[in-house]
All heavy atoms as atom14 arrays in JSON, in Angstrom:
{
  "sequence": "FIAGPMGENIATLADEKWAYVAAEVDLDETENAHEFMNYKRDRRPDL",
  "atom14_mask": [
    [1, 1, 1, 1, 1, 1, 1, 1, 1, 1, 1, 0, 0, 0],
    [1, 1, 1, 1, 1, 1, 1, 1, 0, 0, 0, 0, 0, 0],
    [1, 1, 1, 1, 1, 0, 0, 0, 0, 0, 0, 0, 0, 0],
    [1, 1, 1, 1, 0, 0, 0, 0, 0, 0, 0, 0, 0, 0],
    [1, 1, 1, 1, 1, 1, 1, 0, 0, 0, 0, 0, 0, 0],
    [1, 1, 1, 1, 1, 1, 1, 1, 0, 0, 0, 0, 0, 0],
    [1, 1, 1, 1, 0, 0, 0, 0, 0, 0, 0, 0, 0, 0],
    [1, 1, 1, 1, 1, 1, 1, 1, 1, 0, 0, 0, 0, 0],
    [1, 1, 1, 1, 1, 1, 1, 1, 0, 0, 0, 0, 0, 0],
    [1, 1, 1, 1, 1, 1, 1, 1, 0, 0, 0, 0, 0, 0],
    [1, 1, 1, 1, 1, 0, 0, 0, 0, 0, 0, 0, 0, 0],
    [1, 1, 1, 1, 1, 1, 1, 0, 0, 0, 0, 0, 0, 0],
    [1, 1, 1, 1, 1, 1, 1, 1, 0, 0, 0, 0, 0, 0],
    [1, 1, 1, 1, 1, 0, 0, 0, 0, 0, 0, 0, 0, 0],
    [1, 1, 1, 1, 1, 1, 1, 1, 0, 0, 0, 0, 0, 0],
    [1, 1, 1, 1, 1, 1, 1, 1, 1, 0, 0, 0, 0, 0],
    [1, 1, 1, 1, 1, 1, 1, 1, 1, 0, 0, 0, 0, 0],
    [1, 1, 1, 1, 1, 1, 1, 1, 1, 1, 1, 1, 1, 1],
    [1, 1, 1, 1, 1, 0, 0, 0, 0, 0, 0, 0, 0, 0],
    [1, 1, 1, 1, 1, 1, 1, 1, 1, 1, 1, 1, 0, 0],
    [1, 1, 1, 1, 1, 1, 1, 0, 0, 0, 0, 0, 0, 0],
    [1, 1, 1, 1, 1, 0, 0, 0, 0, 0, 0, 0, 0, 0],
    [1, 1, 1, 1, 1, 0, 0, 0, 0, 0, 0, 0, 0, 0],
    [1, 1, 1, 1, 1, 1, 1, 1, 1, 0, 0, 0, 0, 0],
    [1, 1, 1, 1, 1, 1, 1, 0, 0, 0, 0, 0, 0, 0],
    [1, 1, 1, 1, 1, 1, 1, 1, 0, 0, 0, 0, 0, 0],
    [1, 1, 1, 1, 1, 1, 1, 1, 0, 0, 0, 0, 0, 0],
    [1, 1, 1, 1, 1, 1, 1, 1, 0, 0, 0, 0, 0, 0],
    [1, 1, 1, 1, 1, 1, 1, 1, 1, 0, 0, 0, 0, 0],
    [1, 1, 1, 1, 1, 1, 1, 0, 0, 0, 0, 0, 0, 0],
    [1, 1, 1, 1, 1, 1, 1, 1, 1, 0, 0, 0, 0, 0],
    [1, 1, 1, 1, 1, 1, 1, 1, 0, 0, 0, 0, 0, 0],
    [1, 1, 1, 1, 1, 0, 0, 0, 0, 0, 0, 0, 0, 0],
    [1, 1, 1, 1, 1, 1, 1, 1, 1, 1, 0, 0, 0, 0],
    [1, 1, 1, 1, 1, 1, 1, 1, 1, 0, 0, 0, 0, 0],
    [1, 1, 1, 1, 1, 1, 1, 1, 1, 1, 1, 0, 0, 0],
    [1, 1, 1, 1, 1, 1, 1, 1, 0, 0, 0, 0, 0, 0],
    [1, 1, 1, 1, 1, 1, 1, 1, 0, 0, 0, 0, 0, 0],
    [1, 1, 1, 1, 1, 1, 1, 1, 1, 1, 1, 1, 0, 0],
    [1, 1, 1, 1, 1, 1, 1, 1, 1, 0, 0, 0, 0, 0],
    [1, 1, 1, 1, 1, 1, 1, 1, 1, 1, 1, 0, 0, 0],
    [1, 1, 1, 1, 1, 1, 1, 1, 0, 0, 0, 0, 0, 0],
    [1, 1, 1, 1, 1, 1, 1, 1, 1, 1, 1, 0, 0, 0],
    [1, 1, 1, 1, 1, 1, 1, 1, 1, 1, 1, 0, 0, 0],
    [1, 1, 1, 1, 1, 1, 1, 0, 0, 0, 0, 0, 0, 0],
    [1, 1, 1, 1, 1, 1, 1, 1, 0, 0, 0, 0, 0, 0],
    [1, 1, 1, 1, 1, 1, 1, 1, 0, 0, 0, 0, 0, 0]
  ],
  "atom14_positions": [
    [[35.47, 10.31, 33.13], [36.09, 8.95, 32.95], [35.31, 8.05, 32.06], [34.11, 8.38, 31.68], [36.25, 8.38, 34.34], [34.94, 7.8, 34.93], [35.03, 6.32, 35.18], [33.99, 8.49, 35.21], [33.88, 5.75, 35.76], [32.79, 7.91, 35.79], [32.81, 6.5, 36.07], [0.0, 0.0, 0.0], [0.0, 0.0, 0.0], [0.0, 0.0, 0.0]],
    [[35.85, 6.89, 31.79], [35.04, 5.81, 31.02], [35.04, 4.54, 31.83], [36.1, 4.1, 32.37], [35.82, 5.62, 29.65], [35.88, 6.87, 28.88], [35.16, 4.47, 28.91], [36.8, 6.78, 27.68], [0.0, 0.0, 0.0], [0.0, 0.0, 0.0], [0.0, 0.0, 0.0], [0.0, 0.0, 0.0], [0.0, 0.0, 0.0], [0.0, 0.0, 0.0]],
    [[33.91, 4.04, 32.01], [33.74, 2.73, 32.76], [33.33, 1.61, 31.82], [32.63, 1.88, 30.73], [32.66, 2.88, 33.79], [0.0, 0.0, 0.0], [0.0, 0.0, 0.0], [0.0, 0.0, 0.0], [0.0, 0.0, 0.0], [0.0, 0.0, 0.0], [0.0, 0.0, 0.0], [0.0, 0.0, 0.0], [0.0, 0.0, 0.0], [0.0, 0.0, 0.0]],
    [[33.78, 0.34, 32.1], [33.49, -0.75, 31.3], [32.34, -1.49, 31.81], [31.77, -1.25, 32.86], [0.0, 0.0, 0.0], [0.0, 0.0, 0.0], [0.0, 0.0, 0.0], [0.0, 0.0, 0.0], [0.0, 0.0, 0.0], [0.0, 0.0, 0.0], [0.0, 0.0, 0.0], [0.0, 0.0, 0.0], [0.0, 0.0, 0.0], [0.0, 0.0, 0.0]],
    [[31.84, -2.42, 30.94], [30.57, -3.08, 31.36], [30.53, -4.08, 32.54], [29.53, -4.59, 32.89], [30.25, -3.93, 29.96], [31.59, -4.06, 29.35], [32.34, -2.85, 29.62], [0.0, 0.0, 0.0], [0.0, 0.0, 0.0], [0.0, 0.0, 0.0], [0.0, 0.0, 0.0], [0.0, 0.0, 0.0], [0.0, 0.0, 0.0], [0.0, 0.0, 0.0]],
    [[31.7, -4.28, 33.12], [31.76, -4.95, 34.38], [32.16, -4.05, 35.49], [32.57, -4.45, 36.7], [32.93, -6.1, 34.37], [32.54, -7.28, 33.44], [30.96, -8.1, 34.01], [31.58, -9.03, 35.4], [0.0, 0.0, 0.0], [0.0, 0.0, 0.0], [0.0, 0.0, 0.0], [0.0, 0.0, 0.0], [0.0, 0.0, 0.0], [0.0, 0.0, 0.0]],
    [[32.0, -2.77, 35.24], [32.11, -1.74, 36.3], [33.55, -1.17, 36.51], [33.9, -0.35, 37.36], [0.0, 0.0, 0.0], [0.0, 0.0, 0.0], [0.0, 0.0, 0.0], [0.0, 0.0, 0.0], [0.0, 0.0, 0.0], [0.0, 0.0, 0.0], [0.0, 0.0, 0.0], [0.0, 0.0, 0.0], [0.0, 0.0, 0.0], [0.0, 0.0, 0.0]],
    [[34.52, -1.69, 35.52], [35.93, -1.3, 35.65], [36.12, 0.16, 35.23], [35.45, 0.64, 34.37], [36.79, -2.28, 34.97], [36.59, -2.33, 33.38], [35.58, -3.13, 32.91], [34.54, -3.3, 33.53], [35.65, -3.5, 31.78], [0.0, 0.0, 0.0], [0.0, 0.0, 0.0], [0.0, 0.0, 0.0], [0.0, 0.0, 0.0], [0.0, 0.0, 0.0]],
    [[36.99, 0.81, 35.9], [37.38, 2.15, 35.46], [38.49, 2.06, 34.43], [39.6, 1.65, 34.66], [37.99, 2.98, 36.68], [38.13, 4.5, 36.4], [38.41, 4.85, 35.23], [37.82, 5.32, 37.38], [0.0, 0.0, 0.0], [0.0, 0.0, 0.0], [0.0, 0.0, 0.0], [0.0, 0.0, 0.0], [0.0, 0.0, 0.0], [0.0, 0.0, 0.0]],
    [[38.12, 2.34, 33.18], [39.09, 2.2, 32.04], [40.02, 3.28, 31.85], [41.27, 3.08, 31.59], [38.26, 1.94, 30.69], [37.42, 0.75, 30.87], [39.21, 1.84, 29.51], [36.46, 0.53, 29.71], [0.0, 0.0, 0.0], [0.0, 0.0, 0.0], [0.0, 0.0, 0.0], [0.0, 0.0, 0.0], [0.0, 0.0, 0.0], [0.0, 0.0, 0.0]],
    [[39.53, 4.46, 31.95], [40.5, 5.72, 31.75], [39.79, 6.87, 32.56], [38.52, 6.99, 32.59], [40.51, 6.14, 30.28], [0.0, 0.0, 0.0], [0.0, 0.0, 0.0], [0.0, 0.0, 0.0], [0.0, 0.0, 0.0], [0.0, 0.0, 0.0], [0.0, 0.0, 0.0], [0.0, 0.0, 0.0], [0.0, 0.0, 0.0], [0.0, 0.0, 0.0]],
    [[40.51, 7.81, 33.13], [40.06, 8.78, 34.0], [40.93, 9.98, 34.03], [42.07, 9.88, 33.76], [39.88, 8.21, 35.41], [39.24, 9.24, 36.24], [41.26, 7.88, 36.06], [0.0, 0.0, 0.0], [0.0, 0.0, 0.0], [0.0, 0.0, 0.0], [0.0, 0.0, 0.0], [0.0, 0.0, 0.0], [0.0, 0.0, 0.0], [0.0, 0.0, 0.0]],
    [[40.27, 11.11, 34.38], [40.91, 12.36, 34.62], [40.79, 12.7, 36.06], [39.87, 12.22, 36.72], [40.4, 13.52, 33.71], [40.72, 13.38, 32.22], [39.78, 14.5, 31.52], [42.01, 13.57, 31.88], [0.0, 0.0, 0.0], [0.0, 0.0, 0.0], [0.0, 0.0, 0.0], [0.0, 0.0, 0.0], [0.0, 0.0, 0.0], [0.0, 0.0, 0.0]],
    [[41.57, 13.71, 36.48], [41.43, 14.23, 37.89], [40.67, 15.64, 37.75], [39.56, 15.64, 37.16], [42.77, 14.38, 38.55], [0.0, 0.0, 0.0], [0.0, 0.0, 0.0], [0.0, 0.0, 0.0], [0.0, 0.0, 0.0], [0.0, 0.0, 0.0], [0.0, 0.0, 0.0], [0.0, 0.0, 0.0], [0.0, 0.0, 0.0], [0.0, 0.0, 0.0]],
    [[41.28, 16.66, 38.07], [40.64, 17.96, 37.97], [41.35, 18.84, 36.95], [41.39, 20.06, 37.2], [40.61, 18.63, 39.36], [42.0, 18.91, 39.97], [42.98, 18.35, 39.4], [42.03, 19.57, 40.97], [0.0, 0.0, 0.0], [0.0, 0.0, 0.0], [0.0, 0.0, 0.0], [0.0, 0.0, 0.0], [0.0, 0.0, 0.0], [0.0, 0.0, 0.0]],
    [[41.99, 18.27, 35.95], [42.68, 19.08, 34.84], [41.61, 19.87, 34.08], [40.51, 19.34, 33.69], [43.27, 18.17, 33.96], [44.47, 17.28, 34.55], [43.86, 15.86, 34.86], [42.75, 15.73, 35.32], [44.7, 14.86, 34.66], [0.0, 0.0, 0.0], [0.0, 0.0, 0.0], [0.0, 0.0, 0.0], [0.0, 0.0, 0.0], [0.0, 0.0, 0.0]],
    [[41.95, 21.08, 33.86], [41.05, 21.98, 32.99], [41.46, 21.75, 31.46], [42.65, 21.53, 31.15], [41.23, 23.4, 33.34], [40.82, 23.71, 34.71], [41.06, 25.16, 34.96], [40.77, 25.6, 36.45], [40.95, 27.07, 36.68], [0.0, 0.0, 0.0], [0.0, 0.0, 0.0], [0.0, 0.0, 0.0], [0.0, 0.0, 0.0], [0.0, 0.0, 0.0]],
    [[40.48, 21.81, 30.63], [40.58, 21.69, 29.19], [41.4, 20.47, 28.79], [42.48, 20.6, 28.17], [41.23, 23.03, 28.72], [40.38, 24.22, 29.04], [40.57, 25.13, 29.88], [38.97, 24.45, 28.35], [39.48, 26.04, 29.97], [38.6, 25.64, 29.1], [38.14, 23.82, 27.46], [37.31, 26.19, 28.76], [37.0, 24.38, 27.18], [36.54, 25.58, 27.87]],
    [[40.91, 19.37, 29.29], [41.65, 17.99, 29.11], [40.66, 17.06, 28.5], [39.44, 17.35, 28.36], [42.19, 17.5, 30.42], [0.0, 0.0, 0.0], [0.0, 0.0, 0.0], [0.0, 0.0, 0.0], [0.0, 0.0, 0.0], [0.0, 0.0, 0.0], [0.0, 0.0, 0.0], [0.0, 0.0, 0.0], [0.0, 0.0, 0.0], [0.0, 0.0, 0.0]],
    [[41.18, 15.97, 28.14], [40.2, 14.91, 27.62], [40.78, 13.53, 28.13], [42.0, 13.35, 28.36], [40.17, 15.06, 26.11], [41.35, 14.7, 25.3], [41.57, 13.33, 24.94], [42.27, 15.64, 24.98], [42.72, 13.03, 24.28], [43.43, 15.35, 24.23], [43.68, 14.05, 23.83], [44.77, 13.61, 23.22], [0.0, 0.0, 0.0], [0.0, 0.0, 0.0]],
    [[39.87, 12.59, 27.91], [40.25, 11.13, 28.25], [39.78, 10.36, 26.99], [38.6, 10.58, 26.51], [39.8, 10.67, 29.61], [38.24, 10.6, 29.52], [40.36, 9.3, 29.98], [0.0, 0.0, 0.0], [0.0, 0.0, 0.0], [0.0, 0.0, 0.0], [0.0, 0.0, 0.0], [0.0, 0.0, 0.0], [0.0, 0.0, 0.0], [0.0, 0.0, 0.0]],
    [[40.55, 9.29, 26.52], [40.08, 8.5, 25.4], [40.48, 7.09, 25.69], [41.47, 6.78, 26.42], [40.55, 9.1, 24.12], [0.0, 0.0, 0.0], [0.0, 0.0, 0.0], [0.0, 0.0, 0.0], [0.0, 0.0, 0.0], [0.0, 0.0, 0.0], [0.0, 0.0, 0.0], [0.0, 0.0, 0.0], [0.0, 0.0, 0.0], [0.0, 0.0, 0.0]],
    [[39.68, 6.1, 25.15], [40.05, 4.74, 25.19], [39.33, 3.98, 24.01], [38.28, 4.32, 23.57], [39.52, 4.15, 26.55], [0.0, 0.0, 0.0], [0.0, 0.0, 0.0], [0.0, 0.0, 0.0], [0.0, 0.0, 0.0], [0.0, 0.0, 0.0], [0.0, 0.0, 0.0], [0.0, 0.0, 0.0], [0.0, 0.0, 0.0], [0.0, 0.0, 0.0]],
    [[40.08, 3.06, 23.58], [39.52, 2.11, 22.53], [38.76, 1.03, 23.3], [39.28, 0.39, 24.21], [40.57, 1.53, 21.61], [39.92, 0.61, 20.57], [41.09, 0.07, 19.68], [42.06, -0.41, 20.2], [40.8, 0.01, 18.47], [0.0, 0.0, 0.0], [0.0, 0.0, 0.0], [0.0, 0.0, 0.0], [0.0, 0.0, 0.0], [0.0, 0.0, 0.0]],
    [[37.5, 0.92, 23.04], [36.67, -0.15, 23.79], [36.1, -1.23, 22.73], [36.09, -1.03, 21.51], [35.48, 0.54, 24.39], [35.89, 1.44, 25.46], [34.52, 1.11, 23.42], [0.0, 0.0, 0.0], [0.0, 0.0, 0.0], [0.0, 0.0, 0.0], [0.0, 0.0, 0.0], [0.0, 0.0, 0.0], [0.0, 0.0, 0.0], [0.0, 0.0, 0.0]],
    [[36.04, -2.3, 23.24], [35.47, -3.58, 22.46], [34.08, -3.83, 22.84], [33.75, -4.24, 23.9], [36.38, -4.8, 22.74], [36.02, -6.0, 21.85], [35.03, -5.93, 21.18], [36.83, -6.93, 21.85], [0.0, 0.0, 0.0], [0.0, 0.0, 0.0], [0.0, 0.0, 0.0], [0.0, 0.0, 0.0], [0.0, 0.0, 0.0], [0.0, 0.0, 0.0]],
    [[33.21, -3.5, 21.92], [31.75, -3.62, 22.22], [31.32, -5.16, 22.48], [30.3, -5.4, 23.03], [30.89, -3.17, 21.1], [30.64, -1.6, 21.15], [29.86, -1.25, 22.43], [31.96, -0.86, 21.07], [0.0, 0.0, 0.0], [0.0, 0.0, 0.0], [0.0, 0.0, 0.0], [0.0, 0.0, 0.0], [0.0, 0.0, 0.0], [0.0, 0.0, 0.0]],
    [[32.23, -6.09, 22.04], [31.9, -7.52, 22.3], [31.84, -7.72, 23.84], [31.31, -8.74, 24.26], [32.97, -8.35, 21.7], [32.81, -8.44, 20.22], [31.7, -8.11, 19.7], [33.75, -8.87, 19.5], [0.0, 0.0, 0.0], [0.0, 0.0, 0.0], [0.0, 0.0, 0.0], [0.0, 0.0, 0.0], [0.0, 0.0, 0.0], [0.0, 0.0, 0.0]],
    [[32.63, -6.98, 24.6], [32.61, -7.0, 26.11], [31.27, -6.9, 26.65], [31.04, -7.4, 27.74], [33.62, -6.08, 26.62], [35.11, -6.37, 26.34], [36.0, -5.45, 26.9], [35.69, -4.69, 27.9], [37.19, -5.37, 26.5], [0.0, 0.0, 0.0], [0.0, 0.0, 0.0], [0.0, 0.0, 0.0], [0.0, 0.0, 0.0], [0.0, 0.0, 0.0]],
    [[30.36, -6.11, 26.11], [29.07, -5.91, 26.56], [28.33, -7.28, 26.54], [27.61, -7.66, 27.4], [28.23, -4.83, 25.9], [28.15, -5.12, 24.51], [29.01, -3.46, 25.99], [0.0, 0.0, 0.0], [0.0, 0.0, 0.0], [0.0, 0.0, 0.0], [0.0, 0.0, 0.0], [0.0, 0.0, 0.0], [0.0, 0.0, 0.0], [0.0, 0.0, 0.0]],
    [[28.4, -8.05, 25.51], [27.79, -9.29, 25.29], [28.42, -10.28, 26.26], [27.77, -11.16, 26.82], [27.91, -9.77, 23.87], [27.16, -8.99, 22.93], [25.66, -8.83, 23.27], [25.07, -9.83, 23.62], [25.08, -7.71, 23.29], [0.0, 0.0, 0.0], [0.0, 0.0, 0.0], [0.0, 0.0, 0.0], [0.0, 0.0, 0.0], [0.0, 0.0, 0.0]],
    [[29.74, -10.23, 26.46], [30.44, -11.14, 27.38], [29.93, -10.86, 28.83], [29.72, -11.81, 29.59], [31.99, -10.93, 27.3], [32.54, -11.31, 25.99], [31.95, -11.97, 25.23], [33.62, -10.74, 25.69], [0.0, 0.0, 0.0], [0.0, 0.0, 0.0], [0.0, 0.0, 0.0], [0.0, 0.0, 0.0], [0.0, 0.0, 0.0], [0.0, 0.0, 0.0]],
    [[29.72, -9.65, 29.09], [29.23, -9.29, 30.44], [27.79, -9.75, 30.68], [27.47, -10.34, 31.75], [29.25, -7.74, 30.65], [0.0, 0.0, 0.0], [0.0, 0.0, 0.0], [0.0, 0.0, 0.0], [0.0, 0.0, 0.0], [0.0, 0.0, 0.0], [0.0, 0.0, 0.0], [0.0, 0.0, 0.0], [0.0, 0.0, 0.0], [0.0, 0.0, 0.0]],
    [[27.01, -9.7, 29.62], [25.65, -10.23, 29.62], [25.62, -11.75, 29.9], [24.77, -12.37, 30.61], [24.87, -9.93, 28.35], [24.39, -8.53, 28.22], [23.39, -7.95, 29.2], [24.63, -7.47, 27.42], [23.2, -6.72, 28.81], [23.87, -6.38, 27.84], [0.0, 0.0, 0.0], [0.0, 0.0, 0.0], [0.0, 0.0, 0.0], [0.0, 0.0, 0.0]],
    [[26.59, -12.48, 29.28], [26.65, -13.79, 29.45], [27.05, -14.26, 30.84], [26.62, -15.22, 31.36], [27.6, -14.5, 28.36], [26.9, -14.33, 26.88], [27.93, -14.97, 25.88], [28.97, -15.49, 26.31], [27.7, -14.88, 24.73], [0.0, 0.0, 0.0], [0.0, 0.0, 0.0], [0.0, 0.0, 0.0], [0.0, 0.0, 0.0], [0.0, 0.0, 0.0]],
    [[28.05, -13.38, 31.4], [28.6, -13.74, 32.64], [27.55, -13.5, 33.81], [27.45, -14.28, 34.76], [29.8, -12.91, 32.87], [30.53, -13.12, 34.21], [31.18, -14.35, 34.42], [30.43, -12.23, 35.19], [31.91, -14.48, 35.51], [31.05, -12.44, 36.49], [31.87, -13.55, 36.62], [0.0, 0.0, 0.0], [0.0, 0.0, 0.0], [0.0, 0.0, 0.0]],
    [[26.81, -12.41, 33.68], [25.84, -12.11, 34.66], [24.51, -11.72, 33.87], [24.36, -10.52, 33.49], [26.18, -10.83, 35.52], [27.5, -11.16, 36.4], [27.14, -12.13, 37.76], [26.15, -11.17, 38.86], [0.0, 0.0, 0.0], [0.0, 0.0, 0.0], [0.0, 0.0, 0.0], [0.0, 0.0, 0.0], [0.0, 0.0, 0.0], [0.0, 0.0, 0.0]],
    [[23.76, -12.71, 33.68], [22.51, -12.59, 32.91], [21.39, -11.93, 33.65], [20.4, -12.62, 33.99], [22.11, -13.84, 32.2], [21.21, -13.7, 31.08], [20.47, -12.69, 30.9], [21.18, -14.76, 30.28], [0.0, 0.0, 0.0], [0.0, 0.0, 0.0], [0.0, 0.0, 0.0], [0.0, 0.0, 0.0], [0.0, 0.0, 0.0], [0.0, 0.0, 0.0]],
    [[21.45, -10.68, 33.8], [20.34, -10.04, 34.62], [19.04, -10.02, 33.83], [18.03, -9.92, 34.45], [20.87, -8.5, 34.9], [21.99, -8.36, 35.75], [22.95, -7.41, 35.51], [22.05, -9.11, 37.0], [24.11, -7.34, 36.44], [23.12, -9.04, 37.82], [24.18, -8.09, 37.51], [25.23, -7.94, 38.41], [0.0, 0.0, 0.0], [0.0, 0.0, 0.0]],
    [[19.19, -9.8, 32.55], [17.85, -9.8, 31.71], [17.07, -11.09, 31.91], [15.81, -11.02, 32.02], [18.22, -9.56, 30.26], [18.51, -8.15, 29.92], [18.68, -7.89, 28.42], [19.0, -6.45, 28.11], [19.15, -6.19, 26.74], [0.0, 0.0, 0.0], [0.0, 0.0, 0.0], [0.0, 0.0, 0.0], [0.0, 0.0, 0.0], [0.0, 0.0, 0.0]],
    [[17.84, -12.15, 31.93], [17.12, -13.45, 32.09], [16.46, -13.56, 33.44], [15.33, -14.14, 33.53], [18.14, -14.62, 31.93], [17.58, -16.03, 32.07], [18.71, -16.97, 32.36], [19.44, -16.64, 33.61], [20.67, -17.04, 33.83], [21.4, -17.72, 32.95], [21.22, -16.73, 35.0], [0.0, 0.0, 0.0], [0.0, 0.0, 0.0], [0.0, 0.0, 0.0]],
    [[17.06, -13.13, 34.39], [16.62, -13.26, 35.87], [15.85, -12.11, 36.53], [15.48, -12.12, 37.57], [17.82, -13.52, 36.73], [18.52, -14.82, 36.32], [17.95, -15.75, 35.78], [19.86, -14.86, 36.42], [0.0, 0.0, 0.0], [0.0, 0.0, 0.0], [0.0, 0.0, 0.0], [0.0, 0.0, 0.0], [0.0, 0.0, 0.0], [0.0, 0.0, 0.0]],
    [[15.5, -11.2, 35.63], [14.65, -10.12, 36.08], [13.29, -10.6, 36.57], [12.79, -11.53, 36.04], [14.46, -9.09, 34.93], [15.61, -8.18, 34.68], [15.43, -7.35, 33.52], [14.49, -6.17, 33.9], [13.2, -6.11, 33.39], [12.76, -7.05, 32.54], [12.48, -5.19, 33.82], [0.0, 0.0, 0.0], [0.0, 0.0, 0.0], [0.0, 0.0, 0.0]],
    [[12.51, -9.9, 37.48], [11.11, -10.23, 37.93], [10.25, -8.94, 37.75], [9.81, -8.39, 38.69], [11.27, -10.65, 39.32], [11.96, -11.96, 39.55], [11.09, -13.1, 39.1], [9.79, -13.18, 39.49], [9.3, -13.58, 40.7], [10.15, -14.18, 41.49], [8.03, -13.52, 41.01], [0.0, 0.0, 0.0], [0.0, 0.0, 0.0], [0.0, 0.0, 0.0]],
    [[10.08, -8.59, 36.44], [9.2, -7.38, 36.19], [7.83, -7.56, 36.88], [7.16, -6.57, 37.05], [9.15, -7.31, 34.73], [9.54, -8.62, 34.22], [10.4, -9.21, 35.19], [0.0, 0.0, 0.0], [0.0, 0.0, 0.0], [0.0, 0.0, 0.0], [0.0, 0.0, 0.0], [0.0, 0.0, 0.0], [0.0, 0.0, 0.0], [0.0, 0.0, 0.0]],
    [[7.32, -8.73, 37.22], [6.06, -8.91, 37.72], [5.97, -8.39, 39.17], [4.98, -8.21, 39.77], [5.67, -10.43, 37.78], [6.7, -11.35, 38.38], [7.97, -11.12, 37.99], [6.43, -12.11, 39.22], [0.0, 0.0, 0.0], [0.0, 0.0, 0.0], [0.0, 0.0, 0.0], [0.0, 0.0, 0.0], [0.0, 0.0, 0.0], [0.0, 0.0, 0.0]],
    [[7.16, -8.15, 39.77], [7.26, -7.64, 41.13], [7.67, -6.21, 41.14], [7.71, -5.69, 42.31], [8.4, -8.53, 41.9], [8.18, -9.93, 41.93], [9.26, -10.57, 42.72], [6.83, -10.36, 42.6], [0.0, 0.0, 0.0], [0.0, 0.0, 0.0], [0.0, 0.0, 0.0], [0.0, 0.0, 0.0], [0.0, 0.0, 0.0], [0.0, 0.0, 0.0]]
  ]
}
């Protein structure tokens, strides 16, 4: 399967043999997710 940067399940298979799954993704969504939940800003590497 394919998951998105907010944890959403975008496309998935079950137990099909010799199958594939595909999706067009927008890489801008990774930046949008960073802005929505800015984990990098709030990290505490000192701990």
